[in-house]
Protein backbone atom coordinates (compact mmCIF):
# COMPACT_ATOMS: atom_id res chain seq x y z
CA UNK A 1 0.00 0.00 0.00
CA UNK A 2 1.21 3.50 -0.83
CA UNK A 3 2.49 5.53 2.14
CA UNK A 4 0.88 8.82 3.12
CA UNK A 5 3.47 11.62 3.31
CA UNK A 6 3.53 15.18 4.55
CA UNK A 7 3.88 17.47 1.53
CA UNK A 8 7.04 19.56 1.45
CA UNK A 9 6.36 23.18 2.40
CA UNK A 10 6.71 25.85 -0.26
CA UNK A 11 8.79 28.90 0.68
CA UNK A 12 6.99 32.23 0.91
CA UNK A 13 7.77 34.79 -1.76
CA UNK A 14 9.67 37.95 -0.83
CA UNK A 15 7.89 41.32 -0.86
CA UNK A 16 6.64 42.23 -4.32
CA UNK A 17 7.80 45.39 -6.07
CA UNK A 18 5.43 48.34 -5.93
CA UNK A 19 4.92 51.26 -8.30
CA UNK A 20 5.64 53.50 -5.30
CA UNK A 21 9.15 52.05 -4.87
CA UNK A 22 12.18 53.96 -6.06
CA UNK A 23 13.78 52.55 -9.19
CA UNK A 24 16.55 50.92 -7.12
CA UNK A 25 14.05 49.40 -4.64
CA UNK A 26 11.83 48.20 -7.49
CA UNK A 27 14.76 46.50 -9.22
CA UNK A 28 16.00 44.88 -6.01
CA UNK A 29 12.54 43.54 -5.16
CA UNK A 30 11.95 42.40 -8.76
CA UNK A 31 15.18 40.44 -8.97
CA UNK A 32 14.50 38.80 -5.59
CA UNK A 33 10.93 37.93 -6.65
CA UNK A 34 11.99 36.35 -9.95
CA UNK A 35 14.75 34.34 -8.25
CA UNK A 36 12.26 33.10 -5.65
CA UNK A 37 9.78 32.10 -8.37
CA UNK A 38 12.46 30.08 -10.15
CA UNK A 39 13.31 28.29 -6.89
CA UNK A 40 9.62 27.72 -6.20
CA UNK A 41 9.03 25.62 -9.34
CA UNK A 42 10.65 22.40 -8.03
CA UNK A 43 8.99 22.95 -4.65
CA UNK A 44 5.56 23.15 -6.28
CA UNK A 45 6.29 20.08 -8.43
CA UNK A 46 7.40 18.11 -5.36
CA UNK A 47 4.38 19.17 -3.30
CA UNK A 48 2.04 18.29 -6.19
CA UNK A 49 3.60 14.82 -6.55
CA UNK A 50 3.31 14.25 -2.81
CA UNK A 51 -0.31 15.40 -2.83
CA UNK A 52 -1.02 12.99 -5.68
CA UNK A 53 0.70 10.20 -3.71
CA UNK A 54 -1.59 10.96 -0.76
CA UNK A 55 -4.64 10.81 -3.03
CA UNK A 56 -3.55 7.40 -4.34
CA UNK A 57 -2.91 6.17 -0.79
CA UNK A 58 -6.30 7.42 0.38
CA UNK A 59 -8.04 5.70 -2.51
CA UNK A 60 -6.22 2.43 -1.78
CA UNK A 61 -7.33 2.61 1.86
CA UNK A 62 -10.93 3.35 0.85
CA UNK A 63 -10.98 0.37 -1.53
CA UNK A 64 -9.49 -1.86 1.20
CA UNK A 65 -12.04 -0.63 3.75
CA UNK A 66 -14.86 -1.32 1.31
CA UNK A 67 -13.54 -4.83 0.70
CA UNK A 68 -13.30 -5.41 4.47
CA UNK A 69 -16.87 -4.22 4.95
CA UNK A 70 -18.09 -6.54 2.21
CA UNK A 71 -16.18 -9.48 3.72
CA UNK A 72 -17.61 -8.76 7.16
CA UNK A 73 -21.19 -8.65 5.84
PDB file of N, CA and C in Angstrom:
ATOM      1  N   UNK A   1       0.841  -1.172   0.000  1.00  0.00           N
ATOM      2  CA  UNK A   1       0.000   0.000   0.000  1.00  0.00           C
ATOM      3  C   UNK A   1       0.896   1.249   0.000  1.00  0.00           C
ATOM      4  N   UNK A   2       0.457   2.252  -0.713  1.00  0.00           N
ATOM      5  CA  UNK A   2       1.210   3.503  -0.827  1.00  0.00           C
ATOM      6  C   UNK A   2       1.222   4.233   0.513  1.00  0.00           C
ATOM      7  N   UNK A   3       2.377   4.777   0.886  1.00  0.00           N
ATOM      8  CA  UNK A   3       2.488   5.527   2.137  1.00  0.00           C
ATOM      9  C   UNK A   3       1.919   6.932   1.985  1.00  0.00           C
ATOM     10  N   UNK A   4       1.320   7.423   3.068  1.00  0.00           N
ATOM     11  CA  UNK A   4       0.883   8.816   3.118  1.00  0.00           C
ATOM     12  C   UNK A   4       2.068   9.639   3.619  1.00  0.00           C
ATOM     13  N   UNK A   5       2.327  10.763   2.966  1.00  0.00           N
ATOM     14  CA  UNK A   5       3.469  11.616   3.309  1.00  0.00           C
ATOM     15  C   UNK A   5       2.990  13.033   3.606  1.00  0.00           C
ATOM     16  N   UNK A   6       3.801  13.768   4.320  1.00  0.00           N
ATOM     17  CA  UNK A   6       3.528  15.184   4.553  1.00  0.00           C
ATOM     18  C   UNK A   6       4.140  15.970   3.403  1.00  0.00           C
ATOM     19  N   UNK A   7       3.313  16.707   2.638  1.00  0.00           N
ATOM     20  CA  UNK A   7       3.878  17.467   1.525  1.00  0.00           C
ATOM     21  C   UNK A   7       4.931  18.472   1.987  1.00  0.00           C
ATOM     22  N   UNK A   8       5.958  18.614   1.173  1.00  0.00           N
ATOM     23  CA  UNK A   8       7.036  19.555   1.447  1.00  0.00           C
ATOM     24  C   UNK A   8       6.494  20.979   1.422  1.00  0.00           C
ATOM     25  N   UNK A   9       6.829  21.792   2.432  1.00  0.00           N
ATOM     26  CA  UNK A   9       6.359  23.184   2.404  1.00  0.00           C
ATOM     27  C   UNK A   9       6.975  23.970   1.240  1.00  0.00           C
ATOM     28  N   UNK A  10       6.244  24.962   0.802  1.00  0.00           N
ATOM     29  CA  UNK A  10       6.712  25.846  -0.265  1.00  0.00           C
ATOM     30  C   UNK A  10       7.098  27.171   0.387  1.00  0.00           C
ATOM     31  N   UNK A  11       8.310  27.645   0.095  1.00  0.00           N
ATOM     32  CA  UNK A  11       8.791  28.896   0.682  1.00  0.00           C
ATOM     33  C   UNK A  11       7.913  30.073   0.274  1.00  0.00           C
ATOM     34  N   UNK A  12       7.727  30.994   1.202  1.00  0.00           N
ATOM     35  CA  UNK A  12       6.988  32.226   0.909  1.00  0.00           C
ATOM     36  C   UNK A  12       7.804  33.106  -0.035  1.00  0.00           C
ATOM     37  N   UNK A  13       7.094  33.854  -0.849  1.00  0.00           N
ATOM     38  CA  UNK A  13       7.767  34.787  -1.757  1.00  0.00           C
ATOM     39  C   UNK A  13       8.191  36.039  -0.994  1.00  0.00           C
ATOM     40  N   UNK A  14       9.248  36.683  -1.454  1.00  0.00           N
ATOM     41  CA  UNK A  14       9.668  37.949  -0.826  1.00  0.00           C
ATOM     42  C   UNK A  14       8.667  39.057  -1.175  1.00  0.00           C
ATOM     43  N   UNK A  15       8.794  40.212  -0.537  1.00  0.00           N
ATOM     44  CA  UNK A  15       7.890  41.317  -0.859  1.00  0.00           C
ATOM     45  C   UNK A  15       7.924  41.661  -2.355  1.00  0.00           C
ATOM     46  N   UNK A  16       6.752  41.896  -2.899  1.00  0.00           N
ATOM     47  CA  UNK A  16       6.642  42.235  -4.319  1.00  0.00           C
ATOM     48  C   UNK A  16       7.020  43.698  -4.552  1.00  0.00           C
ATOM     49  N   UNK A  17       7.513  43.989  -5.742  1.00  0.00           N
ATOM     50  CA  UNK A  17       7.801  45.389  -6.066  1.00  0.00           C
ATOM     51  C   UNK A  17       6.496  46.177  -6.158  1.00  0.00           C
ATOM     52  N   UNK A  18       6.602  47.458  -5.908  1.00  0.00           N
ATOM     53  CA  UNK A  18       5.430  48.340  -5.926  1.00  0.00           C
ATOM     54  C   UNK A  18       5.722  49.539  -6.828  1.00  0.00           C
ATOM     55  N   UNK A  19       4.698  50.060  -7.481  1.00  0.00           N
ATOM     56  CA  UNK A  19       4.917  51.259  -8.299  1.00  0.00           C
ATOM     57  C   UNK A  19       5.414  52.450  -7.476  1.00  0.00           C
ATOM     58  N   UNK A  20       5.191  52.398  -6.169  1.00  0.00           N
ATOM     59  CA  UNK A  20       5.639  53.498  -5.302  1.00  0.00           C
ATOM     60  C   UNK A  20       7.099  53.369  -4.889  1.00  0.00           C
ATOM     61  N   UNK A  21       7.741  52.249  -5.208  1.00  0.00           N
ATOM     62  CA  UNK A  21       9.153  52.050  -4.875  1.00  0.00           C
ATOM     63  C   UNK A  21      10.031  52.957  -5.743  1.00  0.00           C
ATOM     64  N   UNK A  22      11.203  53.282  -5.211  1.00  0.00           N
ATOM     65  CA  UNK A  22      12.183  53.965  -6.060  1.00  0.00           C
ATOM     66  C   UNK A  22      12.641  52.969  -7.118  1.00  0.00           C
ATOM     67  N   UNK A  23      13.301  53.440  -8.130  1.00  0.00           N
ATOM     68  CA  UNK A  23      13.782  52.548  -9.188  1.00  0.00           C
ATOM     69  C   UNK A  23      14.715  51.478  -8.615  1.00  0.00           C
ATOM     70  N   UNK A  24      15.604  51.878  -7.714  1.00  0.00           N
ATOM     71  CA  UNK A  24      16.546  50.917  -7.122  1.00  0.00           C
ATOM     72  C   UNK A  24      15.804  49.888  -6.270  1.00  0.00           C
ATOM     73  N   UNK A  25      14.829  50.338  -5.470  1.00  0.00           N
ATOM     74  CA  UNK A  25      14.048  49.404  -4.642  1.00  0.00           C
ATOM     75  C   UNK A  25      13.237  48.449  -5.518  1.00  0.00           C
ATOM     76  N   UNK A  26      12.630  49.010  -6.575  1.00  0.00           N
ATOM     77  CA  UNK A  26      11.829  48.195  -7.485  1.00  0.00           C
ATOM     78  C   UNK A  26      12.686  47.101  -8.117  1.00  0.00           C
ATOM     79  N   UNK A  27      13.863  47.471  -8.594  1.00  0.00           N
ATOM     80  CA  UNK A  27      14.759  46.496  -9.221  1.00  0.00           C
ATOM     81  C   UNK A  27      15.190  45.429  -8.224  1.00  0.00           C
ATOM     82  N   UNK A  28      15.559  45.839  -7.027  1.00  0.00           N
ATOM     83  CA  UNK A  28      15.995  44.882  -6.010  1.00  0.00           C
ATOM     84  C   UNK A  28      14.886  43.890  -5.687  1.00  0.00           C
ATOM     85  N   UNK A  29      13.676  44.413  -5.468  1.00  0.00           N
ATOM     86  CA  UNK A  29      12.543  43.535  -5.159  1.00  0.00           C
ATOM     87  C   UNK A  29      12.194  42.639  -6.349  1.00  0.00           C
ATOM     88  N   UNK A  30      12.277  43.187  -7.556  1.00  0.00           N
ATOM     89  CA  UNK A  30      11.950  42.403  -8.759  1.00  0.00           C
ATOM     90  C   UNK A  30      12.908  41.237  -8.945  1.00  0.00           C
ATOM     91  N   UNK A  31      14.196  41.505  -8.808  1.00  0.00           N
ATOM     92  CA  UNK A  31      15.182  40.436  -8.970  1.00  0.00           C
ATOM     93  C   UNK A  31      15.000  39.358  -7.911  1.00  0.00           C
ATOM     94  N   UNK A  32      14.720  39.769  -6.669  1.00  0.00           N
ATOM     95  CA  UNK A  32      14.496  38.797  -5.593  1.00  0.00           C
ATOM     96  C   UNK A  32      13.232  37.973  -5.858  1.00  0.00           C
ATOM     97  N   UNK A  33      12.196  38.615  -6.360  1.00  0.00           N
ATOM     98  CA  UNK A  33      10.933  37.927  -6.646  1.00  0.00           C
ATOM     99  C   UNK A  33      11.118  36.899  -7.757  1.00  0.00           C
ATOM    100  N   UNK A  34      11.775  37.274  -8.827  1.00  0.00           N
ATOM    101  CA  UNK A  34      11.993  36.350  -9.948  1.00  0.00           C
ATOM    102  C   UNK A  34      12.862  35.169  -9.504  1.00  0.00           C
ATOM    103  N   UNK A  35      13.899  35.431  -8.740  1.00  0.00           N
ATOM    104  CA  UNK A  35      14.751  34.343  -8.248  1.00  0.00           C
ATOM    105  C   UNK A  35      13.951  33.399  -7.361  1.00  0.00           C
ATOM    106  N   UNK A  36      13.082  33.935  -6.526  1.00  0.00           N
ATOM    107  CA  UNK A  36      12.258  33.100  -5.646  1.00  0.00           C
ATOM    108  C   UNK A  36      11.268  32.266  -6.458  1.00  0.00           C
ATOM    109  N   UNK A  37      10.711  32.849  -7.514  1.00  0.00           N
ATOM    110  CA  UNK A  37       9.777  32.103  -8.368  1.00  0.00           C
ATOM    111  C   UNK A  37      10.479  30.942  -9.065  1.00  0.00           C
ATOM    112  N   UNK A  38      11.694  31.158  -9.511  1.00  0.00           N
ATOM    113  CA  UNK A  38      12.464  30.080 -10.152  1.00  0.00           C
ATOM    114  C   UNK A  38      12.711  28.953  -9.156  1.00  0.00           C
ATOM    115  N   UNK A  39      13.069  29.307  -7.926  1.00  0.00           N
ATOM    116  CA  UNK A  39      13.311  28.292  -6.893  1.00  0.00           C
ATOM    117  C   UNK A  39      12.029  27.608  -6.453  1.00  0.00           C
ATOM    118  N   UNK A  40      10.894  28.270  -6.640  1.00  0.00           N
ATOM    119  CA  UNK A  40       9.616  27.716  -6.204  1.00  0.00           C
ATOM    120  C   UNK A  40       9.120  26.598  -7.123  1.00  0.00           C
ATOM    121  N   UNK A  41       9.530  26.603  -8.375  1.00  0.00           N
ATOM    122  CA  UNK A  41       9.032  25.622  -9.340  1.00  0.00           C
ATOM    123  C   UNK A  41       9.264  24.180  -8.869  1.00  0.00           C
ATOM    124  N   UNK A  42      10.493  23.780  -8.495  1.00  0.00           N
ATOM    125  CA  UNK A  42      10.649  22.400  -8.032  1.00  0.00           C
ATOM    126  C   UNK A  42       9.911  22.127  -6.721  1.00  0.00           C
ATOM    127  N   UNK A  43       9.749  23.147  -5.883  1.00  0.00           N
ATOM    128  CA  UNK A  43       8.990  22.950  -4.645  1.00  0.00           C
ATOM    129  C   UNK A  43       7.522  22.654  -4.954  1.00  0.00           C
ATOM    130  N   UNK A  44       6.954  23.384  -5.893  1.00  0.00           N
ATOM    131  CA  UNK A  44       5.561  23.150  -6.283  1.00  0.00           C
ATOM    132  C   UNK A  44       5.415  21.774  -6.920  1.00  0.00           C
ATOM    133  N   UNK A  45       6.352  21.401  -7.792  1.00  0.00           N
ATOM    134  CA  UNK A  45       6.293  20.082  -8.428  1.00  0.00           C
ATOM    135  C   UNK A  45       6.386  18.961  -7.399  1.00  0.00           C
ATOM    136  N   UNK A  46       7.261  19.118  -6.406  1.00  0.00           N
ATOM    137  CA  UNK A  46       7.400  18.108  -5.359  1.00  0.00           C
ATOM    138  C   UNK A  46       6.129  18.017  -4.530  1.00  0.00           C
ATOM    139  N   UNK A  47       5.597  19.161  -4.111  1.00  0.00           N
ATOM    140  CA  UNK A  47       4.376  19.172  -3.304  1.00  0.00           C
ATOM    141  C   UNK A  47       3.200  18.572  -4.076  1.00  0.00           C
ATOM    142  N   UNK A  48       3.115  18.854  -5.375  1.00  0.00           N
ATOM    143  CA  UNK A  48       2.038  18.289  -6.195  1.00  0.00           C
ATOM    144  C   UNK A  48       2.167  16.770  -6.302  1.00  0.00           C
ATOM    145  N   UNK A  49       3.381  16.279  -6.484  1.00  0.00           N
ATOM    146  CA  UNK A  49       3.600  14.824  -6.550  1.00  0.00           C
ATOM    147  C   UNK A  49       3.254  14.161  -5.223  1.00  0.00           C
ATOM    148  N   UNK A  50       3.614  14.818  -4.122  1.00  0.00           N
ATOM    149  CA  UNK A  50       3.312  14.253  -2.813  1.00  0.00           C
ATOM    150  C   UNK A  50       1.807  14.285  -2.536  1.00  0.00           C
ATOM    151  N   UNK A  51       1.138  15.322  -2.980  1.00  0.00           N
ATOM    152  CA  UNK A  51      -0.313  15.401  -2.826  1.00  0.00           C
ATOM    153  C   UNK A  51      -0.991  14.306  -3.644  1.00  0.00           C
ATOM    154  N   UNK A  52      -0.489  14.073  -4.857  1.00  0.00           N
ATOM    155  CA  UNK A  52      -1.021  12.986  -5.679  1.00  0.00           C
ATOM    156  C   UNK A  52      -0.784  11.639  -5.002  1.00  0.00           C
ATOM    157  N   UNK A  53       0.403  11.449  -4.425  1.00  0.00           N
ATOM    158  CA  UNK A  53       0.704  10.204  -3.708  1.00  0.00           C
ATOM    159  C   UNK A  53      -0.298  10.000  -2.573  1.00  0.00           C
ATOM    160  N   UNK A  54      -0.620  11.066  -1.846  1.00  0.00           N
ATOM    161  CA  UNK A  54      -1.585  10.960  -0.759  1.00  0.00           C
ATOM    162  C   UNK A  54      -2.978  10.617  -1.271  1.00  0.00           C
ATOM    163  N   UNK A  55      -3.343  11.141  -2.437  1.00  0.00           N
ATOM    164  CA  UNK A  55      -4.642  10.815  -3.026  1.00  0.00           C
ATOM    165  C   UNK A  55      -4.698   9.336  -3.406  1.00  0.00           C
ATOM    166  N   UNK A  56      -3.620   8.833  -3.984  1.00  0.00           N
ATOM    167  CA  UNK A  56      -3.550   7.405  -4.339  1.00  0.00           C
ATOM    168  C   UNK A  56      -3.643   6.550  -3.073  1.00  0.00           C
ATOM    169  N   UNK A  57      -2.898   6.925  -2.041  1.00  0.00           N
ATOM    170  CA  UNK A  57      -2.910   6.168  -0.786  1.00  0.00           C
ATOM    171  C   UNK A  57      -4.296   6.175  -0.152  1.00  0.00           C
ATOM    172  N   UNK A  58      -4.955   7.309  -0.190  1.00  0.00           N
ATOM    173  CA  UNK A  58      -6.297   7.417   0.384  1.00  0.00           C
ATOM    174  C   UNK A  58      -7.274   6.537  -0.377  1.00  0.00           C
ATOM    175  N   UNK A  59      -7.176   6.548  -1.705  1.00  0.00           N
ATOM    176  CA  UNK A  59      -8.044   5.699  -2.508  1.00  0.00           C
ATOM    177  C   UNK A  59      -7.795   4.223  -2.207  1.00  0.00           C
ATOM    178  N   UNK A  60      -6.540   3.831  -2.099  1.00  0.00           N
ATOM    179  CA  UNK A  60      -6.220   2.434  -1.779  1.00  0.00           C
ATOM    180  C   UNK A  60      -6.840   2.029  -0.443  1.00  0.00           C
ATOM    181  N   UNK A  61      -6.755   2.921   0.542  1.00  0.00           N
ATOM    182  CA  UNK A  61      -7.328   2.611   1.858  1.00  0.00           C
ATOM    183  C   UNK A  61      -8.857   2.537   1.798  1.00  0.00           C
ATOM    184  N   UNK A  62      -9.478   3.392   0.997  1.00  0.00           N
ATOM    185  CA  UNK A  62     -10.932   3.352   0.850  1.00  0.00           C
ATOM    186  C   UNK A  62     -11.380   2.052   0.186  1.00  0.00           C
ATOM    187  N   UNK A  63     -10.656   1.635  -0.838  1.00  0.00           N
ATOM    188  CA  UNK A  63     -10.984   0.372  -1.526  1.00  0.00           C
ATOM    189  C   UNK A  63     -10.792  -0.800  -0.558  1.00  0.00           C
ATOM    190  N   UNK A  64      -9.727  -0.786   0.227  1.00  0.00           N
ATOM    191  CA  UNK A  64      -9.485  -1.861   1.200  1.00  0.00           C
ATOM    192  C   UNK A  64     -10.565  -1.874   2.278  1.00  0.00           C
ATOM    193  N   UNK A  65     -10.989  -0.708   2.734  1.00  0.00           N
ATOM    194  CA  UNK A  65     -12.038  -0.629   3.752  1.00  0.00           C
ATOM    195  C   UNK A  65     -13.346  -1.149   3.204  1.00  0.00           C
ATOM    196  N   UNK A  66     -13.654  -0.832   1.943  1.00  0.00           N
ATOM    197  CA  UNK A  66     -14.863  -1.323   1.307  1.00  0.00           C
ATOM    198  C   UNK A  66     -14.837  -2.848   1.192  1.00  0.00           C
ATOM    199  N   UNK A  67     -13.685  -3.371   0.817  1.00  0.00           N
ATOM    200  CA  UNK A  67     -13.545  -4.832   0.701  1.00  0.00           C
ATOM    201  C   UNK A  67     -13.696  -5.486   2.076  1.00  0.00           C
ATOM    202  N   UNK A  68     -13.162  -4.872   3.116  1.00  0.00           N
ATOM    203  CA  UNK A  68     -13.296  -5.415   4.467  1.00  0.00           C
ATOM    204  C   UNK A  68     -14.760  -5.388   4.921  1.00  0.00           C
ATOM    205  N   UNK A  69     -15.448  -4.323   4.591  1.00  0.00           N
ATOM    206  CA  UNK A  69     -16.868  -4.216   4.951  1.00  0.00           C
ATOM    207  C   UNK A  69     -17.685  -5.288   4.245  1.00  0.00           C
ATOM    208  N   UNK A  70     -17.386  -5.500   2.961  1.00  0.00           N
ATOM    209  CA  UNK A  70     -18.092  -6.540   2.207  1.00  0.00           C
ATOM    210  C   UNK A  70     -17.812  -7.921   2.799  1.00  0.00           C
ATOM    211  N   UNK A  71     -16.565  -8.171   3.152  1.00  0.00           N
ATOM    212  CA  UNK A  71     -16.179  -9.478   3.720  1.00  0.00           C
ATOM    213  C   UNK A  71     -16.848  -9.703   5.077  1.00  0.00           C
ATOM    214  N   UNK A  72     -17.013  -8.642   5.836  1.00  0.00           N
ATOM    215  CA  UNK A  72     -17.610  -8.760   7.165  1.00  0.00           C
ATOM    216  C   UNK A  72     -19.117  -8.972   7.085  1.00  0.00           C
ATOM    217  N   UNK A  73     -19.719  -8.550   5.971  1.00  0.00           N
ATOM    218  CA  UNK A  73     -21.189  -8.646   5.842  1.00  0.00           C
ATOM    219  C   UNK A  73     -21.685 -10.034   5.553  1.00  0.00           C
TER     220      UNK A  73
END
